[in-house]
Amino acid sequence: MKKIKINKDFLFDGERGFEFINKKYNSDNYLRDINLIRELIIHCSATDSISFENPINLIKYDINSNHISRKGCPFATYHFYINKAGEIFQLIGINYYTWHCKGHNQYSLAICINHSGKYNNVTPQQYKSLIDTIIYVFSILNWETDKETLESKLHFHREFANKLCPGKIDKELLIKEILNYEKK
């Protein structure tokens, strides 16, 4: 597996990052056995806001006023976040489940890209980092990166919700490119 750079400056993992959690919630209630994870769901931020290039603004939005709950969320909605520059940020440990996809939270991981979803404007850097992050997640969960496993475990948010999320990214093409990337 190719080594990727993941920024963990904003990571909440139960030992650090307590400033990045919503004090209204007990984070221990969201712990899980990572062996229960069975899918990876890709999202977009639904904005191209320059302010969301810095993941702290996404985290603040999530824990203070996220659309999922008036009380906000326990912590960042996504485990991994990719900004327009292609920087990869881990926002929460994978041993925590997050509020990102109704009915799938406890058994999935979430990757989000800073992208409005309306236009086909994912940057080449974001797209490459998305591929890198998917491969990384599959690796740490000991999942194969073959076509069958990618098709069964990799999902887009729009598959479970009436949303254009993660935008105009083509899932079949993404899987093809992951398979080609892995062959190199």
N, C-alpha and C. Protein backbone atom coordinates (compact mmCIF):
# COMPACT_ATOMS: atom_id res chain seq x y z
N MET A 1 0.83 -1.18 0.00
CA MET A 1 0.00 0.00 0.00
C MET A 1 0.87 1.24 0.00
N LYS A 2 0.45 2.22 -0.81
CA LYS A 2 1.17 3.48 -0.87
C LYS A 2 0.89 4.29 0.39
N LYS A 3 1.91 4.94 0.89
CA LYS A 3 1.76 5.75 2.11
C LYS A 3 1.12 7.08 1.74
N ILE A 4 0.13 7.48 2.52
CA ILE A 4 -0.51 8.78 2.31
C ILE A 4 -0.34 9.64 3.55
N LYS A 5 -0.40 10.94 3.34
CA LYS A 5 -0.26 11.87 4.46
C LYS A 5 -1.65 12.24 4.94
N ILE A 6 -1.91 11.98 6.21
CA ILE A 6 -3.19 12.32 6.82
C ILE A 6 -2.93 13.29 7.97
N ASN A 7 -3.55 14.45 7.88
CA ASN A 7 -3.43 15.46 8.93
C ASN A 7 -4.36 15.07 10.08
N LYS A 8 -3.80 14.92 11.26
CA LYS A 8 -4.58 14.53 12.43
C LYS A 8 -4.67 15.64 13.48
N ASP A 9 -4.44 16.88 13.03
CA ASP A 9 -4.48 18.02 13.94
C ASP A 9 -5.85 18.23 14.57
N PHE A 10 -6.90 17.78 13.90
CA PHE A 10 -8.26 18.00 14.38
C PHE A 10 -8.91 16.71 14.86
N LEU A 11 -8.12 15.69 15.06
CA LEU A 11 -8.62 14.36 15.38
C LEU A 11 -9.15 14.26 16.81
N PHE A 12 -10.37 13.75 16.95
CA PHE A 12 -10.87 13.34 18.25
C PHE A 12 -10.77 11.83 18.28
N ASP A 13 -10.02 11.31 19.23
CA ASP A 13 -9.86 9.85 19.32
C ASP A 13 -10.07 9.34 20.74
N GLY A 14 -10.63 10.16 21.60
CA GLY A 14 -10.87 9.75 22.98
C GLY A 14 -9.73 10.10 23.91
N GLU A 15 -8.55 10.34 23.35
CA GLU A 15 -7.39 10.73 24.15
C GLU A 15 -7.00 12.18 23.88
N ARG A 16 -7.34 12.66 22.72
CA ARG A 16 -7.03 14.05 22.36
C ARG A 16 -8.21 14.59 21.54
N GLY A 17 -8.18 15.88 21.31
CA GLY A 17 -9.21 16.50 20.48
C GLY A 17 -10.50 16.77 21.20
N PHE A 18 -10.48 16.85 22.52
CA PHE A 18 -11.71 17.10 23.27
C PHE A 18 -12.32 18.45 22.94
N GLU A 19 -11.52 19.38 22.43
CA GLU A 19 -12.08 20.67 22.03
C GLU A 19 -12.93 20.55 20.78
N PHE A 20 -12.89 19.37 20.13
CA PHE A 20 -13.63 19.17 18.89
C PHE A 20 -14.86 18.29 19.10
N ILE A 21 -15.38 18.25 20.33
CA ILE A 21 -16.61 17.49 20.57
C ILE A 21 -17.67 18.40 21.16
N ASN A 22 -18.90 18.02 21.01
CA ASN A 22 -20.04 18.75 21.55
C ASN A 22 -20.23 18.30 22.99
N LYS A 23 -20.10 19.22 23.91
CA LYS A 23 -20.15 18.89 25.34
C LYS A 23 -21.53 18.39 25.78
N LYS A 24 -22.55 18.52 24.93
CA LYS A 24 -23.89 18.04 25.25
C LYS A 24 -23.99 16.51 25.16
N TYR A 25 -22.97 15.88 24.62
CA TYR A 25 -22.99 14.44 24.39
C TYR A 25 -21.85 13.75 25.12
N ASN A 26 -22.05 12.51 25.50
CA ASN A 26 -20.99 11.69 26.07
C ASN A 26 -20.40 10.86 24.94
N SER A 27 -19.18 11.16 24.58
CA SER A 27 -18.55 10.50 23.44
C SER A 27 -18.43 8.99 23.63
N ASP A 28 -18.36 8.53 24.88
CA ASP A 28 -18.26 7.09 25.13
C ASP A 28 -19.47 6.33 24.60
N ASN A 29 -20.60 7.02 24.47
CA ASN A 29 -21.81 6.39 23.94
C ASN A 29 -21.70 6.05 22.45
N TYR A 30 -20.66 6.55 21.79
CA TYR A 30 -20.50 6.36 20.35
C TYR A 30 -19.34 5.44 20.00
N LEU A 31 -18.76 4.80 21.01
CA LEU A 31 -17.69 3.83 20.76
C LEU A 31 -18.27 2.57 20.14
N ARG A 32 -17.46 1.91 19.31
CA ARG A 32 -17.89 0.66 18.68
C ARG A 32 -16.68 -0.21 18.39
N ASP A 33 -16.94 -1.46 18.16
CA ASP A 33 -15.93 -2.42 17.73
C ASP A 33 -15.73 -2.21 16.24
N ILE A 34 -14.50 -1.94 15.80
CA ILE A 34 -14.28 -1.66 14.37
C ILE A 34 -14.58 -2.89 13.50
N ASN A 35 -14.63 -4.06 14.08
CA ASN A 35 -14.98 -5.24 13.30
C ASN A 35 -16.44 -5.22 12.84
N LEU A 36 -17.25 -4.31 13.42
CA LEU A 36 -18.64 -4.18 13.00
C LEU A 36 -18.79 -3.31 11.74
N ILE A 37 -17.73 -2.60 11.38
CA ILE A 37 -17.81 -1.71 10.21
C ILE A 37 -17.92 -2.57 8.95
N ARG A 38 -18.94 -2.26 8.14
CA ARG A 38 -19.15 -3.06 6.93
C ARG A 38 -19.30 -2.23 5.66
N GLU A 39 -19.23 -0.89 5.79
CA GLU A 39 -19.32 -0.08 4.58
C GLU A 39 -18.64 1.27 4.78
N LEU A 40 -18.27 1.86 3.66
CA LEU A 40 -17.66 3.17 3.60
C LEU A 40 -18.57 4.04 2.73
N ILE A 41 -18.98 5.18 3.27
CA ILE A 41 -19.92 6.04 2.56
C ILE A 41 -19.25 7.38 2.25
N ILE A 42 -19.34 7.78 0.97
CA ILE A 42 -18.72 9.01 0.49
C ILE A 42 -19.77 10.12 0.47
N HIS A 43 -19.39 11.30 0.97
CA HIS A 43 -20.25 12.46 1.06
C HIS A 43 -19.58 13.68 0.44
N CYS A 44 -20.37 14.74 0.24
CA CYS A 44 -19.82 16.05 -0.08
C CYS A 44 -20.34 17.04 0.97
N SER A 45 -19.66 18.14 1.11
CA SER A 45 -20.03 19.14 2.12
C SER A 45 -21.23 19.99 1.71
N ALA A 46 -21.67 19.87 0.46
CA ALA A 46 -22.79 20.64 -0.09
C ALA A 46 -22.49 22.13 -0.16
N THR A 47 -21.23 22.47 -0.17
CA THR A 47 -20.80 23.85 -0.33
C THR A 47 -19.40 23.84 -0.95
N ASP A 48 -19.10 24.89 -1.65
CA ASP A 48 -17.73 25.09 -2.12
C ASP A 48 -17.08 26.23 -1.33
N SER A 49 -17.58 26.47 -0.16
CA SER A 49 -17.12 27.58 0.66
C SER A 49 -15.63 27.48 0.94
N ILE A 50 -14.96 28.58 0.71
CA ILE A 50 -13.53 28.65 1.01
C ILE A 50 -13.29 28.45 2.49
N SER A 51 -14.26 28.83 3.33
CA SER A 51 -14.08 28.67 4.78
C SER A 51 -13.99 27.19 5.16
N PHE A 52 -14.61 26.32 4.37
CA PHE A 52 -14.57 24.89 4.67
C PHE A 52 -13.26 24.23 4.22
N GLU A 53 -12.37 25.00 3.62
CA GLU A 53 -11.04 24.45 3.33
C GLU A 53 -10.35 24.08 4.64
N ASN A 54 -10.63 24.85 5.68
CA ASN A 54 -10.12 24.55 7.01
C ASN A 54 -11.17 23.68 7.71
N PRO A 55 -10.84 22.43 8.03
CA PRO A 55 -11.83 21.52 8.60
C PRO A 55 -12.41 21.96 9.94
N ILE A 56 -11.76 22.89 10.62
CA ILE A 56 -12.32 23.35 11.90
C ILE A 56 -13.69 23.99 11.67
N ASN A 57 -13.89 24.63 10.53
CA ASN A 57 -15.19 25.25 10.25
C ASN A 57 -16.27 24.20 10.00
N LEU A 58 -15.91 23.11 9.36
CA LEU A 58 -16.84 22.00 9.20
C LEU A 58 -17.17 21.37 10.56
N ILE A 59 -16.16 21.17 11.38
CA ILE A 59 -16.37 20.60 12.71
C ILE A 59 -17.27 21.51 13.54
N LYS A 60 -17.00 22.81 13.53
CA LYS A 60 -17.84 23.76 14.28
C LYS A 60 -19.28 23.72 13.79
N TYR A 61 -19.47 23.64 12.49
CA TYR A 61 -20.82 23.53 11.94
C TYR A 61 -21.49 22.26 12.45
N ASP A 62 -20.78 21.15 12.41
CA ASP A 62 -21.34 19.87 12.84
C ASP A 62 -21.74 19.88 14.31
N ILE A 63 -20.83 20.32 15.17
CA ILE A 63 -21.12 20.18 16.60
C ILE A 63 -22.02 21.29 17.13
N ASN A 64 -22.17 22.39 16.39
CA ASN A 64 -23.00 23.49 16.88
C ASN A 64 -24.37 23.62 16.22
N SER A 65 -24.45 23.31 14.94
CA SER A 65 -25.72 23.59 14.26
C SER A 65 -26.00 22.67 13.08
N ASN A 66 -25.50 21.48 13.10
CA ASN A 66 -25.68 20.58 11.98
C ASN A 66 -27.14 20.37 11.66
N HIS A 67 -27.42 20.18 10.39
CA HIS A 67 -28.80 19.99 9.92
C HIS A 67 -29.45 18.71 10.46
N ILE A 68 -28.68 17.81 10.99
CA ILE A 68 -29.21 16.54 11.49
C ILE A 68 -29.96 16.75 12.81
N SER A 69 -29.48 17.66 13.63
CA SER A 69 -30.08 17.86 14.95
C SER A 69 -29.96 19.31 15.37
N ARG A 70 -31.00 19.83 15.98
CA ARG A 70 -30.92 21.21 16.50
C ARG A 70 -29.85 21.34 17.57
N LYS A 71 -29.58 20.26 18.28
CA LYS A 71 -28.55 20.29 19.33
C LYS A 71 -27.15 20.17 18.74
N GLY A 72 -27.05 19.96 17.43
CA GLY A 72 -25.75 19.68 16.83
C GLY A 72 -25.43 18.21 16.97
N CYS A 73 -24.28 17.84 16.50
CA CYS A 73 -23.83 16.45 16.54
C CYS A 73 -22.82 16.26 17.66
N PRO A 74 -22.56 15.01 18.05
CA PRO A 74 -21.58 14.77 19.11
C PRO A 74 -20.18 15.28 18.75
N PHE A 75 -19.82 15.14 17.50
CA PHE A 75 -18.51 15.57 17.01
C PHE A 75 -18.61 15.67 15.50
N ALA A 76 -17.49 15.75 14.83
CA ALA A 76 -17.52 15.86 13.37
C ALA A 76 -18.37 14.74 12.78
N THR A 77 -19.08 15.07 11.72
CA THR A 77 -19.96 14.10 11.08
C THR A 77 -19.18 13.05 10.29
N TYR A 78 -17.98 13.38 9.88
CA TYR A 78 -17.21 12.51 8.99
C TYR A 78 -15.90 12.08 9.63
N HIS A 79 -15.49 10.86 9.34
CA HIS A 79 -14.20 10.37 9.85
C HIS A 79 -13.03 11.02 9.11
N PHE A 80 -13.19 11.19 7.80
CA PHE A 80 -12.13 11.78 6.98
C PHE A 80 -12.72 12.91 6.16
N TYR A 81 -11.92 13.93 5.94
CA TYR A 81 -12.36 15.11 5.19
C TYR A 81 -11.26 15.50 4.21
N ILE A 82 -11.65 15.84 2.99
CA ILE A 82 -10.69 16.21 1.95
C ILE A 82 -11.06 17.59 1.42
N ASN A 83 -10.14 18.55 1.55
CA ASN A 83 -10.42 19.89 1.05
C ASN A 83 -10.04 20.01 -0.43
N LYS A 84 -10.30 21.17 -1.02
CA LYS A 84 -10.05 21.39 -2.45
C LYS A 84 -8.58 21.20 -2.82
N ALA A 85 -7.69 21.49 -1.88
CA ALA A 85 -6.25 21.32 -2.14
C ALA A 85 -5.84 19.84 -2.12
N GLY A 86 -6.75 18.98 -1.72
CA GLY A 86 -6.45 17.55 -1.66
C GLY A 86 -5.86 17.10 -0.34
N GLU A 87 -5.84 18.00 0.66
CA GLU A 87 -5.35 17.60 1.98
C GLU A 87 -6.36 16.66 2.62
N ILE A 88 -5.85 15.61 3.23
CA ILE A 88 -6.70 14.62 3.90
C ILE A 88 -6.60 14.86 5.40
N PHE A 89 -7.75 14.99 6.03
CA PHE A 89 -7.81 15.20 7.47
C PHE A 89 -8.60 14.05 8.09
N GLN A 90 -8.07 13.48 9.17
CA GLN A 90 -8.88 12.54 9.96
C GLN A 90 -9.46 13.33 11.10
N LEU A 91 -10.80 13.31 11.21
CA LEU A 91 -11.49 14.13 12.20
C LEU A 91 -11.92 13.35 13.43
N ILE A 92 -12.09 12.06 13.29
CA ILE A 92 -12.53 11.24 14.41
C ILE A 92 -11.99 9.83 14.23
N GLY A 93 -11.67 9.17 15.33
CA GLY A 93 -11.18 7.81 15.29
C GLY A 93 -12.23 6.86 14.71
N ILE A 94 -11.80 5.85 14.00
CA ILE A 94 -12.76 4.93 13.37
C ILE A 94 -13.48 4.06 14.39
N ASN A 95 -13.01 4.06 15.63
CA ASN A 95 -13.70 3.29 16.67
C ASN A 95 -14.92 4.04 17.22
N TYR A 96 -15.23 5.21 16.65
CA TYR A 96 -16.44 5.96 16.98
C TYR A 96 -17.36 5.97 15.76
N TYR A 97 -18.65 5.83 16.00
CA TYR A 97 -19.56 6.04 14.88
C TYR A 97 -20.04 7.48 14.91
N THR A 98 -20.42 7.97 13.75
CA THR A 98 -20.83 9.37 13.61
C THR A 98 -22.23 9.45 13.01
N TRP A 99 -22.77 10.65 12.99
CA TRP A 99 -24.10 10.89 12.43
C TRP A 99 -23.95 11.38 10.99
N HIS A 100 -23.89 10.48 10.05
CA HIS A 100 -23.71 10.91 8.67
C HIS A 100 -24.70 10.29 7.69
N CYS A 101 -25.31 9.16 8.03
CA CYS A 101 -26.23 8.51 7.10
C CYS A 101 -27.22 7.66 7.88
N LYS A 102 -28.44 8.15 7.99
CA LYS A 102 -29.47 7.50 8.79
C LYS A 102 -29.58 6.00 8.46
N GLY A 103 -29.55 5.19 9.53
CA GLY A 103 -29.66 3.75 9.38
C GLY A 103 -28.35 3.04 9.10
N HIS A 104 -27.27 3.80 8.91
CA HIS A 104 -25.97 3.21 8.57
C HIS A 104 -24.84 3.65 9.49
N ASN A 105 -25.13 4.54 10.41
CA ASN A 105 -24.08 5.17 11.20
C ASN A 105 -23.21 4.18 11.99
N GLN A 106 -23.83 3.25 12.69
CA GLN A 106 -23.07 2.37 13.57
C GLN A 106 -22.18 1.38 12.83
N TYR A 107 -22.44 1.18 11.55
CA TYR A 107 -21.73 0.14 10.81
C TYR A 107 -20.94 0.68 9.63
N SER A 108 -20.67 1.99 9.63
CA SER A 108 -19.99 2.56 8.47
C SER A 108 -18.97 3.60 8.89
N LEU A 109 -18.13 3.94 7.93
CA LEU A 109 -17.20 5.06 8.04
C LEU A 109 -17.61 6.08 7.00
N ALA A 110 -17.25 7.34 7.22
CA ALA A 110 -17.63 8.41 6.30
C ALA A 110 -16.41 9.21 5.84
N ILE A 111 -16.38 9.45 4.54
CA ILE A 111 -15.40 10.37 3.94
C ILE A 111 -16.20 11.49 3.30
N CYS A 112 -15.77 12.73 3.52
CA CYS A 112 -16.44 13.88 2.92
C CYS A 112 -15.42 14.70 2.15
N ILE A 113 -15.86 15.21 0.99
CA ILE A 113 -15.02 16.14 0.24
C ILE A 113 -15.69 17.51 0.24
N ASN A 114 -14.89 18.57 0.30
CA ASN A 114 -15.43 19.93 0.22
C ASN A 114 -15.86 20.17 -1.21
N HIS A 115 -17.17 20.02 -1.44
CA HIS A 115 -17.70 20.06 -2.80
C HIS A 115 -19.19 20.34 -2.72
N SER A 116 -19.67 21.24 -3.54
CA SER A 116 -21.10 21.60 -3.48
C SER A 116 -22.00 20.48 -3.98
N GLY A 117 -21.50 19.65 -4.85
CA GLY A 117 -22.32 18.58 -5.41
C GLY A 117 -23.08 19.00 -6.64
N LYS A 118 -23.34 20.31 -6.79
CA LYS A 118 -24.14 20.79 -7.93
C LYS A 118 -23.36 20.77 -9.23
N TYR A 119 -22.08 21.04 -9.15
CA TYR A 119 -21.24 21.16 -10.34
C TYR A 119 -20.18 20.08 -10.32
N ASN A 120 -19.67 19.79 -11.47
CA ASN A 120 -18.61 18.79 -11.57
C ASN A 120 -17.27 19.49 -11.35
N ASN A 121 -17.02 19.94 -10.12
CA ASN A 121 -15.82 20.73 -9.85
C ASN A 121 -14.96 20.15 -8.73
N VAL A 122 -14.97 18.86 -8.60
CA VAL A 122 -14.02 18.22 -7.68
C VAL A 122 -12.64 18.41 -8.30
N THR A 123 -11.70 18.90 -7.52
CA THR A 123 -10.37 19.15 -8.07
C THR A 123 -9.64 17.82 -8.31
N PRO A 124 -8.69 17.81 -9.23
CA PRO A 124 -7.89 16.59 -9.44
C PRO A 124 -7.20 16.13 -8.15
N GLN A 125 -6.76 17.09 -7.33
CA GLN A 125 -6.10 16.76 -6.07
C GLN A 125 -7.08 16.07 -5.12
N GLN A 126 -8.32 16.57 -5.05
CA GLN A 126 -9.34 15.96 -4.21
C GLN A 126 -9.63 14.53 -4.67
N TYR A 127 -9.78 14.38 -5.97
CA TYR A 127 -10.14 13.07 -6.51
C TYR A 127 -9.05 12.04 -6.20
N LYS A 128 -7.79 12.44 -6.40
CA LYS A 128 -6.69 11.53 -6.09
C LYS A 128 -6.66 11.21 -4.59
N SER A 129 -6.88 12.24 -3.77
CA SER A 129 -6.89 12.01 -2.32
C SER A 129 -8.08 11.14 -1.91
N LEU A 130 -9.19 11.28 -2.60
CA LEU A 130 -10.34 10.41 -2.33
C LEU A 130 -9.97 8.96 -2.60
N ILE A 131 -9.33 8.71 -3.73
CA ILE A 131 -8.88 7.35 -4.05
C ILE A 131 -7.91 6.86 -2.99
N ASP A 132 -6.93 7.68 -2.64
CA ASP A 132 -5.95 7.31 -1.61
C ASP A 132 -6.63 6.97 -0.28
N THR A 133 -7.61 7.78 0.10
CA THR A 133 -8.28 7.58 1.39
C THR A 133 -9.13 6.31 1.37
N ILE A 134 -9.79 6.05 0.27
CA ILE A 134 -10.58 4.82 0.15
C ILE A 134 -9.66 3.61 0.28
N ILE A 135 -8.56 3.62 -0.42
CA ILE A 135 -7.60 2.51 -0.34
C ILE A 135 -7.06 2.36 1.07
N TYR A 136 -6.76 3.49 1.71
CA TYR A 136 -6.27 3.48 3.09
C TYR A 136 -7.30 2.84 4.03
N VAL A 137 -8.55 3.25 3.93
CA VAL A 137 -9.60 2.70 4.80
C VAL A 137 -9.76 1.21 4.55
N PHE A 138 -9.80 0.81 3.29
CA PHE A 138 -9.92 -0.62 2.99
C PHE A 138 -8.75 -1.40 3.60
N SER A 139 -7.58 -0.81 3.54
CA SER A 139 -6.39 -1.46 4.09
C SER A 139 -6.47 -1.62 5.61
N ILE A 140 -6.84 -0.54 6.33
CA ILE A 140 -6.87 -0.64 7.79
C ILE A 140 -7.99 -1.55 8.29
N LEU A 141 -9.02 -1.75 7.44
CA LEU A 141 -10.10 -2.66 7.81
C LEU A 141 -9.88 -4.07 7.25
N ASN A 142 -8.73 -4.27 6.62
CA ASN A 142 -8.37 -5.57 6.02
C ASN A 142 -9.38 -6.04 4.98
N TRP A 143 -9.90 -5.09 4.21
CA TRP A 143 -10.79 -5.42 3.11
C TRP A 143 -9.98 -5.47 1.83
N GLU A 144 -10.32 -6.38 0.96
CA GLU A 144 -9.66 -6.47 -0.35
C GLU A 144 -10.08 -5.27 -1.19
N THR A 145 -9.21 -4.85 -2.10
CA THR A 145 -9.59 -3.78 -3.03
C THR A 145 -9.83 -4.39 -4.41
N ASP A 146 -10.59 -5.47 -4.44
CA ASP A 146 -11.00 -6.05 -5.70
C ASP A 146 -12.37 -5.49 -6.09
N LYS A 147 -12.78 -5.73 -7.31
CA LYS A 147 -14.03 -5.15 -7.83
C LYS A 147 -15.24 -5.54 -6.99
N GLU A 148 -15.35 -6.80 -6.65
CA GLU A 148 -16.52 -7.28 -5.89
C GLU A 148 -16.61 -6.60 -4.52
N THR A 149 -15.49 -6.51 -3.81
CA THR A 149 -15.51 -5.89 -2.48
C THR A 149 -15.77 -4.39 -2.58
N LEU A 150 -15.15 -3.73 -3.55
CA LEU A 150 -15.41 -2.30 -3.73
C LEU A 150 -16.89 -2.05 -4.02
N GLU A 151 -17.47 -2.86 -4.87
CA GLU A 151 -18.89 -2.68 -5.22
C GLU A 151 -19.81 -2.94 -4.03
N SER A 152 -19.42 -3.84 -3.15
CA SER A 152 -20.30 -4.17 -2.02
C SER A 152 -20.09 -3.28 -0.79
N LYS A 153 -18.89 -2.71 -0.63
CA LYS A 153 -18.60 -1.96 0.59
C LYS A 153 -18.48 -0.45 0.39
N LEU A 154 -18.26 -0.01 -0.83
CA LEU A 154 -18.11 1.42 -1.12
C LEU A 154 -19.46 1.97 -1.60
N HIS A 155 -19.95 2.99 -0.90
CA HIS A 155 -21.26 3.56 -1.24
C HIS A 155 -21.19 5.08 -1.30
N PHE A 156 -22.14 5.64 -2.02
CA PHE A 156 -22.32 7.09 -2.05
C PHE A 156 -23.55 7.40 -1.21
N HIS A 157 -23.54 8.52 -0.54
CA HIS A 157 -24.66 8.92 0.32
C HIS A 157 -25.99 8.90 -0.45
N ARG A 158 -25.95 9.27 -1.72
CA ARG A 158 -27.17 9.32 -2.52
C ARG A 158 -27.85 7.96 -2.67
N GLU A 159 -27.13 6.88 -2.39
CA GLU A 159 -27.73 5.55 -2.46
C GLU A 159 -28.72 5.33 -1.32
N PHE A 160 -28.59 6.10 -0.25
CA PHE A 160 -29.41 5.92 0.94
C PHE A 160 -30.31 7.12 1.26
N ALA A 161 -30.14 8.21 0.55
CA ALA A 161 -30.90 9.42 0.83
C ALA A 161 -31.21 10.13 -0.48
N ASN A 162 -32.26 10.87 -0.49
CA ASN A 162 -32.65 11.60 -1.68
C ASN A 162 -31.84 12.89 -1.76
N LYS A 163 -30.55 12.73 -2.05
CA LYS A 163 -29.63 13.86 -2.09
C LYS A 163 -28.66 13.66 -3.25
N LEU A 164 -28.15 14.77 -3.77
CA LEU A 164 -27.11 14.69 -4.79
C LEU A 164 -25.77 14.70 -4.06
N CYS A 165 -25.48 13.61 -3.42
CA CYS A 165 -24.30 13.54 -2.56
C CYS A 165 -23.56 12.24 -2.84
N PRO A 166 -22.35 12.26 -3.25
CA PRO A 166 -21.37 13.34 -3.27
C PRO A 166 -21.28 14.09 -4.61
N GLY A 167 -22.37 14.45 -5.17
CA GLY A 167 -22.35 15.24 -6.39
C GLY A 167 -22.28 14.37 -7.62
N LYS A 168 -21.59 14.86 -8.61
CA LYS A 168 -21.59 14.21 -9.93
C LYS A 168 -20.44 13.22 -10.11
N ILE A 169 -19.87 12.76 -9.03
CA ILE A 169 -18.82 11.74 -9.12
C ILE A 169 -19.47 10.45 -9.59
N ASP A 170 -18.84 9.79 -10.54
CA ASP A 170 -19.36 8.55 -11.10
C ASP A 170 -18.76 7.37 -10.32
N LYS A 171 -19.60 6.60 -9.67
CA LYS A 171 -19.13 5.51 -8.82
C LYS A 171 -18.41 4.41 -9.61
N GLU A 172 -18.97 4.03 -10.76
CA GLU A 172 -18.32 2.99 -11.56
C GLU A 172 -16.93 3.41 -12.02
N LEU A 173 -16.81 4.66 -12.46
CA LEU A 173 -15.51 5.18 -12.88
C LEU A 173 -14.55 5.24 -11.69
N LEU A 174 -15.03 5.66 -10.54
CA LEU A 174 -14.19 5.71 -9.34
C LEU A 174 -13.65 4.32 -9.00
N ILE A 175 -14.50 3.32 -9.03
CA ILE A 175 -14.06 1.96 -8.74
C ILE A 175 -13.02 1.50 -9.76
N LYS A 176 -13.26 1.80 -11.04
CA LYS A 176 -12.28 1.45 -12.09
C LYS A 176 -10.93 2.08 -11.82
N GLU A 177 -10.96 3.36 -11.44
CA GLU A 177 -9.72 4.07 -11.20
C GLU A 177 -9.01 3.56 -9.94
N ILE A 178 -9.75 3.14 -8.93
CA ILE A 178 -9.14 2.53 -7.75
C ILE A 178 -8.46 1.23 -8.15
N LEU A 179 -9.13 0.42 -8.94
CA LEU A 179 -8.55 -0.86 -9.39
C LEU A 179 -7.29 -0.63 -10.21
N ASN A 180 -7.31 0.36 -11.12
CA ASN A 180 -6.13 0.68 -11.92
C ASN A 180 -5.00 1.21 -11.04
N TYR A 181 -5.33 2.03 -10.08
CA TYR A 181 -4.36 2.61 -9.15
C TYR A 181 -3.66 1.51 -8.35
N GLU A 182 -4.44 0.53 -7.93
CA GLU A 182 -3.90 -0.56 -7.14
C GLU A 182 -2.98 -1.46 -7.95
N LYS A 183 -3.17 -1.52 -9.27
CA LYS A 183 -2.34 -2.36 -10.14
C LYS A 183 -0.94 -1.78 -10.30
N LYS A 184 -0.83 -0.44 -10.15
CA LYS A 184 0.47 0.24 -10.35
C LYS A 184 1.47 -0.13 -9.29
